[in-house]
Amino acid sequence: MEARNKTRISEFLLLGFSEEPEIQPLIFGLFLSMYLITVFGNLLIILAVSSDSHFHTPMYFFLSNLSFVDICFTSTTIPKMLWNIQAQNKAITYEGCIIQMYFFILFVCLDDFLLTVMAYDRFVAICHPLHYTVMMNSQLCGLLMLVSWVMSALNSLIQSLMVLQLSFCTDLEIPHFFCEINQMVRLACSDTFFNDMLFYFAAGMFAVLMGGGPFTGVLYSYSKIVSCIRGISSLQGKYKAFSTCASHLSFVSLFYCTMLGVYLSSAGTHSSRSSATASVMYTVVTPMLNPFIYSLRNKDIKRALKALFVKKCT
């Protein structure tokens, strides 16, 4: 502990996926393509929902918010990574790292809460169709969004403030493509007990927000949905009811399975590079697929987009 550097550090180094210079253009092109698809795809969903009054319903209100959050989610990490590759500079300032970590945690929690709210929306639509407009009124939708933002911001603020209490020595290389909280805790040279407590606190916050809260809400909503679908007598009615939540269920499965896989694998092994590669699934691929698996397969959305383009061209 005598080697501990108590002076304020100025920057970290984001090592990314590989240090081999010949594959950097490939990584740059791949992630630039995925980022552009994510931004434009989700922007199209927002434009389609906002331009057509038929989509001014709770389901599409939450969907447009999910698209907005997914754009912000990827924008906290990918542009900086692309800039570093282009500039051949792996540095990120200490302040920039803390800010990136704060917004990353904020938007990943928002994604989590929004998926839970959307599961509840599908539960009300399938199990209480006659009371849907009364139960899912505009005041409740606004309140659900406000609570999601407040809870996510508080969680992100608490974890960021905890990281600010850490001291770092000479090893400032983060084996990731963004400032991931667990990697930063492992770099710290503060008291070992404090580092361990912070690591378990971050893991506990993740477990509460992902498991004890929203994830449990998703499971409960879908258990009720399955029970309601089983009670429908006709096969056509069952298919129609299930089709209203199939896309959301696909997105939920992809989001939670990839995220839990990353955190469970990182807890079992200490291969940071493999953890960074696995993180791509929920930080980049899942937001990119959102417009395809949830919205662009929807005939109403496609019709609205077509009408929007025709209107712009005339």
Protein backbone atom coordinates (compact mmCIF):
# COMPACT_ATOMS: atom_id res chain seq x y z
CA MET A 1 0.00 0.00 0.00
CA GLU A 2 3.03 2.29 0.24
CA ALA A 3 3.08 2.57 -3.56
CA ARG A 4 -0.37 4.03 -3.58
CA ASN A 5 -0.56 7.24 -5.60
CA LYS A 6 -2.71 9.75 -3.75
CA THR A 7 -2.39 12.42 -6.44
CA ARG A 8 -5.36 13.01 -8.70
CA ILE A 9 -5.09 10.95 -11.88
CA SER A 10 -5.87 12.58 -15.20
CA GLU A 11 -6.87 9.71 -17.49
CA PHE A 12 -7.46 6.00 -18.06
CA LEU A 13 -6.63 3.85 -21.06
CA LEU A 14 -9.45 1.88 -22.72
CA LEU A 15 -7.76 -1.19 -24.20
CA GLY A 16 -10.80 -2.26 -26.23
CA PHE A 17 -11.01 -5.66 -27.91
CA SER A 18 -7.57 -6.04 -29.43
CA GLU A 19 -4.27 -4.19 -29.66
CA GLU A 20 -3.43 -5.60 -33.11
CA PRO A 21 -3.35 -2.61 -35.51
CA GLU A 22 -4.32 -4.61 -38.61
CA ILE A 23 -7.80 -5.46 -37.29
CA GLN A 24 -8.60 -1.95 -35.99
CA PRO A 25 -10.20 -0.84 -39.33
CA LEU A 26 -12.41 -3.95 -39.25
CA ILE A 27 -13.53 -3.20 -35.68
CA PHE A 28 -14.10 0.45 -36.61
CA GLY A 29 -16.22 -0.40 -39.66
CA LEU A 30 -18.24 -3.06 -37.83
CA PHE A 31 -19.12 -0.89 -34.86
CA LEU A 32 -19.77 2.20 -36.97
CA SER A 33 -22.25 0.19 -39.05
CA MET A 34 -24.01 -1.20 -35.99
CA TYR A 35 -24.16 2.24 -34.37
CA LEU A 36 -25.67 3.89 -37.46
CA ILE A 37 -28.24 1.09 -37.81
CA THR A 38 -29.16 1.50 -34.14
CA VAL A 39 -29.57 5.27 -34.33
CA PHE A 40 -31.46 5.46 -37.63
CA GLY A 41 -33.62 2.40 -36.91
CA ASN A 42 -34.74 3.70 -33.52
CA LEU A 43 -35.18 7.24 -34.87
CA LEU A 44 -37.55 5.86 -37.51
CA ILE A 45 -39.64 4.25 -34.77
CA ILE A 46 -39.83 7.54 -32.86
CA LEU A 47 -40.81 9.44 -36.03
CA ALA A 48 -43.45 6.87 -36.97
CA VAL A 49 -45.04 6.91 -33.52
CA SER A 50 -45.01 10.69 -33.18
CA SER A 51 -46.34 11.39 -36.69
CA ASP A 52 -49.39 9.10 -36.60
CA SER A 53 -52.20 9.70 -34.10
CA HIS A 54 -53.15 6.01 -34.26
CA PHE A 55 -49.96 5.24 -32.37
CA HIS A 56 -50.71 7.60 -29.48
CA THR A 57 -51.39 4.66 -27.17
CA PRO A 58 -49.54 3.44 -24.05
CA MET A 59 -47.81 0.58 -25.87
CA TYR A 60 -46.30 2.84 -28.55
CA PHE A 61 -45.60 5.59 -26.01
CA PHE A 62 -43.36 3.18 -24.09
CA LEU A 63 -41.91 1.82 -27.32
CA SER A 64 -40.83 5.27 -28.51
CA ASN A 65 -39.26 5.91 -25.10
CA LEU A 66 -37.42 2.58 -25.34
CA SER A 67 -36.09 3.58 -28.76
CA PHE A 68 -34.90 6.93 -27.38
CA VAL A 69 -33.17 5.23 -24.43
CA ASP A 70 -31.51 2.69 -26.75
CA ILE A 71 -30.07 5.52 -28.86
CA CYS A 72 -28.69 7.18 -25.70
CA PHE A 73 -27.50 3.83 -24.37
CA THR A 74 -25.26 3.08 -27.35
CA SER A 75 -24.20 6.73 -27.68
CA THR A 76 -22.54 6.66 -24.24
CA THR A 77 -19.94 4.11 -25.35
CA ILE A 78 -19.64 3.56 -29.12
CA PRO A 79 -18.76 7.12 -30.33
CA LYS A 80 -15.88 7.34 -27.84
CA MET A 81 -14.59 3.91 -28.89
CA LEU A 82 -14.76 4.90 -32.57
CA TRP A 83 -12.96 8.17 -31.86
CA ASN A 84 -10.19 6.35 -30.01
CA ILE A 85 -9.69 3.91 -32.89
CA GLN A 86 -9.67 6.69 -35.47
CA ALA A 87 -7.29 8.88 -33.46
CA GLN A 88 -5.16 5.86 -32.42
CA ASN A 89 -5.45 7.09 -28.86
CA LYS A 90 -6.87 4.89 -26.10
CA ALA A 91 -7.08 7.64 -23.48
CA ILE A 92 -10.21 8.83 -21.70
CA THR A 93 -10.07 11.51 -19.01
CA TYR A 94 -10.90 10.67 -15.40
CA GLU A 95 -13.92 12.98 -15.50
CA GLY A 96 -15.00 11.56 -18.85
CA CYS A 97 -14.77 8.04 -17.49
CA ILE A 98 -16.96 8.83 -14.48
CA ILE A 99 -19.50 10.63 -16.68
CA GLN A 100 -19.58 7.73 -19.16
CA MET A 101 -20.06 5.24 -16.33
CA TYR A 102 -22.89 7.33 -14.84
CA PHE A 103 -24.84 7.56 -18.08
CA PHE A 104 -24.19 3.93 -18.98
CA ILE A 105 -25.68 2.74 -15.68
CA LEU A 106 -28.53 5.25 -16.05
CA PHE A 107 -29.61 4.05 -19.48
CA VAL A 108 -29.15 0.34 -18.82
CA CYS A 109 -31.40 0.70 -15.76
CA LEU A 110 -33.91 2.68 -17.82
CA ASP A 111 -33.97 -0.10 -20.40
CA ASP A 112 -34.65 -2.54 -17.60
CA PHE A 113 -37.50 -0.50 -16.09
CA LEU A 114 -39.07 0.18 -19.49
CA LEU A 115 -39.16 -3.51 -20.35
CA THR A 116 -40.94 -4.11 -17.03
CA VAL A 117 -43.47 -1.36 -17.68
CA MET A 118 -44.10 -2.70 -21.18
CA ALA A 119 -44.66 -6.19 -19.75
CA TYR A 120 -47.26 -4.74 -17.38
CA ASP A 121 -48.88 -2.93 -20.31
CA ARG A 122 -49.19 -6.23 -22.22
CA PHE A 123 -50.60 -7.90 -19.09
CA VAL A 124 -53.35 -5.29 -18.80
CA ALA A 125 -54.09 -5.41 -22.55
CA ILE A 126 -54.45 -9.22 -22.60
CA CYS A 127 -55.95 -9.95 -19.18
CA HIS A 128 -58.11 -6.81 -18.77
CA PRO A 129 -58.90 -5.64 -22.34
CA LEU A 130 -62.18 -3.93 -21.41
CA HIS A 131 -60.48 -1.81 -18.74
CA TYR A 132 -57.26 -1.18 -20.67
CA THR A 133 -57.86 2.48 -21.53
CA VAL A 134 -58.95 3.25 -17.97
CA MET A 135 -56.13 1.40 -16.23
CA MET A 136 -53.38 2.55 -18.61
CA ASN A 137 -54.36 6.23 -18.64
CA SER A 138 -51.98 9.03 -19.54
CA GLN A 139 -51.40 9.99 -15.90
CA LEU A 140 -50.27 6.47 -15.00
CA CYS A 141 -48.03 6.23 -18.07
CA GLY A 142 -46.38 9.53 -17.19
CA LEU A 143 -45.95 8.44 -13.56
CA LEU A 144 -44.38 5.12 -14.59
CA MET A 145 -41.89 6.95 -16.80
CA LEU A 146 -41.07 9.45 -14.05
CA VAL A 147 -40.47 6.70 -11.48
CA SER A 148 -38.27 4.84 -13.98
CA TRP A 149 -36.12 7.92 -14.57
CA VAL A 150 -35.84 8.79 -10.86
CA MET A 151 -34.95 5.24 -9.76
CA SER A 152 -32.39 4.86 -12.56
CA ALA A 153 -30.80 8.24 -11.86
CA LEU A 154 -30.52 7.53 -8.13
CA ASN A 155 -28.96 4.12 -8.68
CA SER A 156 -26.47 5.55 -11.18
CA LEU A 157 -25.62 8.48 -8.89
CA ILE A 158 -25.00 6.24 -5.87
CA GLN A 159 -22.69 3.89 -7.76
CA SER A 160 -20.81 6.77 -9.40
CA LEU A 161 -20.28 8.50 -6.05
CA MET A 162 -18.92 5.27 -4.61
CA VAL A 163 -16.38 4.99 -7.42
CA LEU A 164 -15.31 8.60 -6.81
CA GLN A 165 -14.12 7.51 -3.35
CA LEU A 166 -11.57 5.10 -4.85
CA SER A 167 -7.87 5.84 -5.26
CA PHE A 168 -5.95 4.60 -8.30
CA CYS A 169 -2.25 3.82 -8.65
CA THR A 170 -0.12 3.47 -11.76
CA ASP A 171 -2.14 0.69 -13.42
CA LEU A 172 -4.77 2.70 -15.29
CA GLU A 173 -5.49 0.34 -18.18
CA ILE A 174 -9.16 -0.73 -18.43
CA PRO A 175 -9.43 -3.99 -20.42
CA HIS A 176 -12.78 -2.95 -21.89
CA PHE A 177 -14.17 -0.64 -24.57
CA PHE A 178 -15.90 1.59 -22.00
CA CYS A 179 -15.58 2.51 -18.32
CA GLU A 180 -17.32 -0.51 -16.80
CA ILE A 181 -17.76 -0.18 -13.03
CA ASN A 182 -16.45 -3.64 -12.07
CA GLN A 183 -13.29 -3.12 -14.11
CA MET A 184 -12.67 0.24 -12.42
CA VAL A 185 -13.10 -1.28 -8.96
CA ARG A 186 -10.50 -3.95 -9.81
CA LEU A 187 -8.01 -1.23 -10.87
CA ALA A 188 -8.32 0.69 -7.61
CA CYS A 189 -5.56 0.53 -5.03
CA SER A 190 -7.69 1.73 -2.15
CA ASP A 191 -8.08 -0.44 0.92
CA THR A 192 -8.86 -4.01 -0.18
CA PHE A 193 -11.81 -4.28 2.18
CA PHE A 194 -13.36 -1.10 0.77
CA ASN A 195 -12.83 -2.34 -2.80
CA ASP A 196 -14.49 -5.65 -1.98
CA MET A 197 -17.41 -3.91 -0.30
CA LEU A 198 -17.87 -1.64 -3.31
CA PHE A 199 -17.73 -4.60 -5.70
CA TYR A 200 -20.39 -6.47 -3.73
CA PHE A 201 -22.45 -3.30 -3.36
CA ALA A 202 -22.46 -2.84 -7.14
CA ALA A 203 -23.36 -6.51 -7.58
CA GLY A 204 -26.10 -6.14 -4.97
CA MET A 205 -27.56 -3.07 -6.67
CA PHE A 206 -27.53 -4.99 -9.94
CA ALA A 207 -29.27 -7.96 -8.31
CA VAL A 208 -31.95 -5.78 -6.71
CA LEU A 209 -32.67 -3.72 -9.82
CA MET A 210 -32.41 -6.57 -12.32
CA GLY A 211 -33.65 -9.46 -10.20
CA GLY A 212 -35.54 -8.32 -7.13
CA GLY A 213 -37.41 -5.53 -8.91
CA PRO A 214 -37.97 -5.20 -12.65
CA PHE A 215 -37.08 -8.75 -13.63
CA THR A 216 -39.49 -10.12 -11.03
CA GLY A 217 -42.12 -7.76 -12.41
CA VAL A 218 -41.55 -9.11 -15.92
CA LEU A 219 -41.83 -12.72 -14.71
CA TYR A 220 -45.00 -11.94 -12.76
CA SER A 221 -46.63 -10.15 -15.70
CA TYR A 222 -45.86 -12.99 -18.10
CA SER A 223 -47.04 -15.64 -15.64
CA LYS A 224 -50.39 -13.85 -15.55
CA ILE A 225 -50.40 -13.48 -19.35
CA VAL A 226 -49.79 -17.22 -19.81
CA SER A 227 -52.58 -17.97 -17.35
CA CYS A 228 -54.98 -15.68 -19.24
CA ILE A 229 -54.02 -17.15 -22.64
CA ARG A 230 -54.61 -20.68 -21.33
CA GLY A 231 -58.11 -19.62 -20.34
CA ILE A 232 -59.00 -18.57 -23.92
CA SER A 233 -61.07 -21.31 -25.57
CA SER A 234 -60.38 -20.74 -29.27
CA LEU A 235 -57.00 -21.45 -30.86
CA GLN A 236 -57.27 -18.29 -32.94
CA GLY A 237 -57.88 -16.22 -29.82
CA LYS A 238 -54.82 -17.71 -28.13
CA TYR A 239 -52.66 -16.96 -31.16
CA LYS A 240 -53.92 -13.37 -31.37
CA ALA A 241 -53.29 -12.78 -27.66
CA PHE A 242 -49.79 -14.26 -27.81
CA SER A 243 -48.88 -12.33 -30.97
CA THR A 244 -49.45 -9.02 -29.15
CA CYS A 245 -46.56 -9.76 -26.77
CA ALA A 246 -44.32 -12.05 -28.86
CA SER A 247 -41.98 -9.28 -30.02
CA HIS A 248 -41.65 -7.85 -26.52
CA LEU A 249 -40.97 -11.32 -25.11
CA SER A 250 -38.23 -11.84 -27.72
CA PHE A 251 -36.57 -8.54 -26.83
CA VAL A 252 -36.84 -9.23 -23.09
CA SER A 253 -35.28 -12.68 -23.49
CA LEU A 254 -32.38 -11.30 -25.55
CA PHE A 255 -31.75 -8.41 -23.15
CA TYR A 256 -31.81 -10.37 -19.89
CA CYS A 257 -30.09 -13.52 -21.16
CA THR A 258 -27.13 -11.61 -22.62
CA MET A 259 -26.80 -9.30 -19.62
CA LEU A 260 -27.04 -12.05 -17.02
CA GLY A 261 -24.65 -14.16 -19.08
CA VAL A 262 -22.06 -11.38 -19.08
CA TYR A 263 -22.26 -10.76 -15.32
CA LEU A 264 -22.32 -14.44 -14.38
CA SER A 265 -19.34 -15.22 -16.63
CA SER A 266 -17.38 -12.25 -15.29
CA ALA A 267 -18.09 -13.40 -11.74
CA GLY A 268 -16.89 -16.93 -12.54
CA THR A 269 -13.79 -15.98 -14.52
CA HIS A 270 -11.42 -13.03 -14.64
CA SER A 271 -10.99 -12.90 -18.41
CA SER A 272 -11.66 -9.20 -18.95
CA ARG A 273 -11.28 -9.31 -22.74
CA SER A 274 -13.87 -12.08 -23.06
CA SER A 275 -16.19 -10.11 -20.79
CA ALA A 276 -15.79 -7.06 -23.04
CA THR A 277 -16.63 -9.12 -26.11
CA ALA A 278 -19.69 -10.62 -24.42
CA SER A 279 -20.83 -7.13 -23.34
CA VAL A 280 -21.28 -6.22 -27.00
CA MET A 281 -24.43 -8.38 -27.07
CA TYR A 282 -26.46 -6.23 -24.69
CA THR A 283 -24.71 -2.88 -25.20
CA VAL A 284 -24.74 -2.85 -29.02
CA VAL A 285 -26.52 -5.81 -30.61
CA THR A 286 -29.71 -5.71 -28.51
CA PRO A 287 -30.43 -1.98 -29.11
CA MET A 288 -29.65 -2.48 -32.80
CA LEU A 289 -32.15 -5.34 -33.08
CA ASN A 290 -34.92 -3.47 -31.26
CA PRO A 291 -36.40 -1.84 -34.41
CA PHE A 292 -36.35 -5.18 -36.23
CA ILE A 293 -37.67 -7.65 -33.69
CA TYR A 294 -40.11 -5.29 -31.98
CA SER A 295 -41.28 -2.71 -34.46
CA LEU A 296 -40.32 -3.02 -38.10
CA ARG A 297 -42.08 -6.38 -38.28
CA ASN A 298 -45.27 -4.57 -37.28
CA LYS A 299 -47.46 -3.90 -40.34
CA ASP A 300 -48.90 -0.73 -38.78
CA ILE A 301 -45.42 0.67 -38.17
CA LYS A 302 -44.38 -0.11 -41.73
CA ARG A 303 -47.50 1.56 -43.06
CA ALA A 304 -46.80 4.65 -40.95
CA LEU A 305 -43.18 4.81 -42.14
CA LYS A 306 -44.29 4.51 -45.75
CA ALA A 307 -46.81 7.31 -45.28
CA LEU A 308 -44.13 9.43 -43.59
CA PHE A 309 -41.70 9.01 -46.50
CA VAL A 310 -44.42 9.73 -49.08
CA LYS A 311 -45.37 12.89 -47.17
CA LYS A 312 -41.75 14.07 -47.07
CA CYS A 313 -41.24 13.42 -50.78
CA THR A 314 -44.37 15.29 -51.91
